[in-house]
C-alpha atoms as a PDB file:
ATOM      1  CA  MET A   1       0.000   0.000   0.000  1.00  0.00           C
ATOM      2  CA  ALA A   2       1.271   3.470  -0.907  1.00  0.00           C
ATOM      3  CA  LYS A   3       2.351   5.808   1.860  1.00  0.00           C
ATOM      4  CA  MET A   4      -0.345   8.391   2.618  1.00  0.00           C
ATOM      5  CA  MET A   5      -0.519  11.961   3.923  1.00  0.00           C
ATOM      6  CA  GLN A   6      -3.382  14.097   5.188  1.00  0.00           C
ATOM      7  CA  PHE A   7      -4.919  16.471   2.617  1.00  0.00           C
ATOM      8  CA  GLU A   8      -7.193  19.399   3.445  1.00  0.00           C
ATOM      9  CA  LEU A   9      -8.901  21.751   0.976  1.00  0.00           C
ATOM     10  CA  VAL A  10     -10.816  24.712   2.376  1.00  0.00           C
ATOM     11  CA  SER A  11     -12.338  27.840   0.909  1.00  0.00           C
ATOM     12  CA  PRO A  12     -13.910  30.740   2.789  1.00  0.00           C
ATOM     13  CA  GLU A  13     -17.318  29.107   2.296  1.00  0.00           C
ATOM     14  CA  ARG A  14     -16.573  25.525   3.379  1.00  0.00           C
ATOM     15  CA  LYS A  15     -14.224  22.583   3.741  1.00  0.00           C
ATOM     16  CA  LEU A  16     -14.270  20.692   0.461  1.00  0.00           C
ATOM     17  CA  ALA A  17     -11.970  17.804   1.331  1.00  0.00           C
ATOM     18  CA  SER A  18     -10.249  16.153   4.261  1.00  0.00           C
ATOM     19  CA  VAL A  19      -8.802  12.828   3.104  1.00  0.00           C
ATOM     20  CA  GLU A  20      -5.753  10.598   3.193  1.00  0.00           C
ATOM     21  CA  ALA A  21      -3.918  11.037  -0.124  1.00  0.00           C
ATOM     22  CA  SER A  22      -0.918   9.462  -1.814  1.00  0.00           C
ATOM     23  CA  GLU A  23      -0.343  12.540  -3.981  1.00  0.00           C
ATOM     24  CA  VAL A  24      -1.738  15.994  -4.682  1.00  0.00           C
ATOM     25  CA  GLN A  25      -1.113  17.737  -8.012  1.00  0.00           C
ATOM     26  CA  ILE A  26      -1.072  21.492  -7.379  1.00  0.00           C
ATOM     27  CA  PRO A  27      -1.398  24.379  -9.889  1.00  0.00           C
ATOM     28  CA  GLY A  28       1.330  26.548  -8.351  1.00  0.00           C
ATOM     29  CA  ALA A  29       1.832  30.137  -9.446  1.00  0.00           C
ATOM     30  CA  GLU A  30       5.462  29.312 -10.304  1.00  0.00           C
ATOM     31  CA  GLY A  31       4.538  26.036 -11.979  1.00  0.00           C
ATOM     32  CA  ASP A  32       2.581  22.874 -11.332  1.00  0.00           C
ATOM     33  CA  PHE A  33       4.012  20.322  -8.922  1.00  0.00           C
ATOM     34  CA  THR A  34       3.048  17.124  -7.127  1.00  0.00           C
ATOM     35  CA  ALA A  35       3.152  16.864  -3.338  1.00  0.00           C
ATOM     36  CA  MET A  36       3.662  13.382  -1.902  1.00  0.00           C
ATOM     37  CA  PRO A  37       4.324  11.973   1.565  1.00  0.00           C
ATOM     38  CA  ASP A  38       7.768  13.052   2.873  1.00  0.00           C
ATOM     39  CA  HIS A  39       7.778  16.083   0.545  1.00  0.00           C
ATOM     40  CA  SER A  40      10.067  18.911   1.604  1.00  0.00           C
ATOM     41  CA  PRO A  41       8.214  21.750   3.338  1.00  0.00           C
ATOM     42  CA  VAL A  42       7.021  24.463   0.957  1.00  0.00           C
ATOM     43  CA  ILE A  43       4.446  27.234   0.870  1.00  0.00           C
ATOM     44  CA  THR A  44       3.307  28.554  -2.504  1.00  0.00           C
ATOM     45  CA  THR A  45       0.618  30.655  -4.088  1.00  0.00           C
ATOM     46  CA  LEU A  46      -1.825  29.070  -6.520  1.00  0.00           C
ATOM     47  CA  ARG A  47      -2.901  30.050  -9.998  1.00  0.00           C
ATOM     48  CA  PRO A  48      -6.326  29.148 -11.383  1.00  0.00           C
ATOM     49  CA  GLY A  49      -6.430  25.497 -12.358  1.00  0.00           C
ATOM     50  CA  TYR A  50      -7.359  21.968 -11.404  1.00  0.00           C
ATOM     51  CA  LEU A  51      -5.995  20.435  -8.224  1.00  0.00           C
ATOM     52  CA  ARG A  52      -5.934  16.620  -8.379  1.00  0.00           C
ATOM     53  CA  VAL A  53      -5.956  14.426  -5.284  1.00  0.00           C
ATOM     54  CA  VAL A  54      -5.113  10.715  -5.498  1.00  0.00           C
ATOM     55  CA  THR A  55      -6.703   8.677  -2.697  1.00  0.00           C
ATOM     56  CA  ALA A  56      -7.190   4.976  -2.073  1.00  0.00           C
ATOM     57  CA  ALA A  57     -10.675   5.378  -3.585  1.00  0.00           C
ATOM     58  CA  GLY A  58      -9.467   7.072  -6.789  1.00  0.00           C
ATOM     59  CA  THR A  59      -8.758  10.568  -8.058  1.00  0.00           C
ATOM     60  CA  GLU A  60     -10.730  13.645  -7.029  1.00  0.00           C
ATOM     61  CA  GLU A  61     -10.432  16.977  -8.866  1.00  0.00           C
ATOM     62  CA  TYR A  62     -11.205  20.514  -7.741  1.00  0.00           C
ATOM     63  CA  PHE A  63     -10.960  23.797  -9.606  1.00  0.00           C
ATOM     64  CA  VAL A  64      -9.268  26.541  -7.568  1.00  0.00           C
ATOM     65  CA  THR A  65      -9.205  30.215  -8.537  1.00  0.00           C
ATOM     66  CA  GLY A  66      -6.112  30.992  -6.475  1.00  0.00           C
ATOM     67  CA  GLY A  67      -4.955  30.846  -2.880  1.00  0.00           C
ATOM     68  CA  PHE A  68      -2.128  29.154  -1.004  1.00  0.00           C
ATOM     69  CA  ALA A  69      -0.790  25.639  -0.507  1.00  0.00           C
ATOM     70  CA  GLU A  70       1.298  24.501   2.424  1.00  0.00           C
ATOM     71  CA  VAL A  71       3.112  21.197   2.029  1.00  0.00           C
ATOM     72  CA  SER A  72       4.897  19.322   4.806  1.00  0.00           C
ATOM     73  CA  PRO A  73       6.220  15.751   4.982  1.00  0.00           C
ATOM     74  CA  GLU A  74       2.973  14.608   6.684  1.00  0.00           C
ATOM     75  CA  SER A  75       0.299  16.772   5.066  1.00  0.00           C
ATOM     76  CA  THR A  76      -0.804  19.171   2.362  1.00  0.00           C
ATOM     77  CA  SER A  77      -3.234  21.992   3.098  1.00  0.00           C
ATOM     78  CA  VAL A  78      -4.794  24.241   0.484  1.00  0.00           C
ATOM     79  CA  LEU A  79      -6.576  27.473   1.339  1.00  0.00           C
ATOM     80  CA  ALA A  80      -8.365  28.430  -1.877  1.00  0.00           C
ATOM     81  CA  GLU A  81      -9.887  31.797  -2.734  1.00  0.00           C
ATOM     82  CA  ARG A  82     -12.690  29.831  -4.351  1.00  0.00           C
ATOM     83  CA  ALA A  83     -12.885  26.103  -5.024  1.00  0.00           C
ATOM     84  CA  PHE A  84     -15.338  23.854  -6.830  1.00  0.00           C
ATOM     85  CA  ALA A  85     -15.548  20.104  -7.282  1.00  0.00           C
ATOM     86  CA  ARG A  86     -14.940  19.162 -10.926  1.00  0.00           C
ATOM     87  CA  ALA A  87     -18.493  17.789 -11.120  1.00  0.00           C
ATOM     88  CA  ASP A  88     -19.841  21.250 -10.217  1.00  0.00           C
ATOM     89  CA  MET A  89     -17.968  23.043 -13.051  1.00  0.00           C
ATOM     90  CA  THR A  90     -20.739  23.871 -15.499  1.00  0.00           C
ATOM     91  CA  GLN A  91     -20.310  25.932 -18.653  1.00  0.00           C
ATOM     92  CA  GLU A  92     -22.261  28.718 -16.927  1.00  0.00           C
ATOM     93  CA  LEU A  93     -19.887  28.727 -13.932  1.00  0.00           C
ATOM     94  CA  GLN A  94     -16.845  28.671 -16.224  1.00  0.00           C
ATOM     95  CA  SER A  95     -18.182  31.668 -18.141  1.00  0.00           C
ATOM     96  CA  GLU A  96     -18.926  33.502 -14.877  1.00  0.00           C
ATOM     97  CA  LEU A  97     -15.375  32.971 -13.560  1.00  0.00           C
ATOM     98  CA  ILE A  98     -13.813  34.171 -16.824  1.00  0.00           C
ATOM     99  CA  ALA A  99     -16.124  37.220 -16.890  1.00  0.00           C
ATOM    100  CA  GLU A 100     -15.165  38.120 -13.299  1.00  0.00           C
ATOM    101  CA  ALA A 101     -11.458  37.914 -14.155  1.00  0.00           C
ATOM    102  CA  SER A 102     -11.995  39.977 -17.322  1.00  0.00           C
ATOM    103  CA  LYS A 103     -13.860  42.671 -15.392  1.00  0.00           C
ATOM    104  CA  ALA A 104     -11.068  42.819 -12.794  1.00  0.00           C
ATOM    105  CA  HIS A 105      -8.572  43.257 -15.643  1.00  0.00           C
ATOM    106  CA  GLU A 106     -10.622  46.098 -17.144  1.00  0.00           C
ATOM    107  CA  VAL A 107     -10.494  47.903 -13.797  1.00  0.00           C
ATOM    108  CA  ALA A 108      -6.849  47.169 -12.940  1.00  0.00           C
ATOM    109  CA  GLY A 109      -5.334  47.045 -16.422  1.00  0.00           C
ATOM    110  CA  THR A 110      -2.121  45.468 -15.125  1.00  0.00           C
ATOM    111  CA  ASP A 111       0.055  42.673 -16.450  1.00  0.00           C
ATOM    112  CA  GLU A 112      -0.942  40.622 -13.390  1.00  0.00           C
ATOM    113  CA  SER A 113      -4.652  41.036 -14.118  1.00  0.00           C
ATOM    114  CA  ALA A 114      -4.080  40.077 -17.765  1.00  0.00           C
ATOM    115  CA  LYS A 115      -2.262  36.933 -16.601  1.00  0.00           C
ATOM    116  CA  LEU A 116      -5.190  36.130 -14.300  1.00  0.00           C
ATOM    117  CA  VAL A 117      -7.582  36.266 -17.272  1.00  0.00           C
ATOM    118  CA  ALA A 118      -5.281  34.022 -19.316  1.00  0.00           C
ATOM    119  CA  ASP A 119      -4.823  31.557 -16.433  1.00  0.00           C
ATOM    120  CA  MET A 120      -8.541  31.497 -15.668  1.00  0.00           C
ATOM    121  CA  THR A 121      -9.436  30.921 -19.321  1.00  0.00           C
ATOM    122  CA  ALA A 122      -6.882  28.126 -19.676  1.00  0.00           C
ATOM    123  CA  GLY A 123      -7.661  26.635 -16.272  1.00  0.00           C
ATOM    124  CA  VAL A 124     -11.421  26.262 -16.525  1.00  0.00           C
ATOM    125  CA  THR A 125     -11.341  24.797 -20.010  1.00  0.00           C
ATOM    126  CA  LEU A 126      -9.000  21.897 -19.211  1.00  0.00           C
ATOM    127  CA  THR A 127     -10.577  18.523 -19.824  1.00  0.00           C
END
């Protein structure tokens, strides 16, 4: 049996997951990476994208709009700005998230806000 670690995913609205996982694929702002048991400690920001959690029961996926991940040898915790189970990602919700990012870019007009729109567009349309 694969070595496991505790995984927690929370958003301001609710706790979405608290499971034993063998790996967690994280959409980090500096690049995607996989956290596994005995991983070196790291804290990173998230970009919009799918977070994948491998458990004994299978793989679970969640879309995160941003936030933070803290990885330690025993656990991985993700505090997401907003998070949705893959099954809840409808075309309407995808369009809403992209529209929100686009509106924020119109107001801010920065390179960072343009990157957010690009990340959000790419992230929600992954299959």
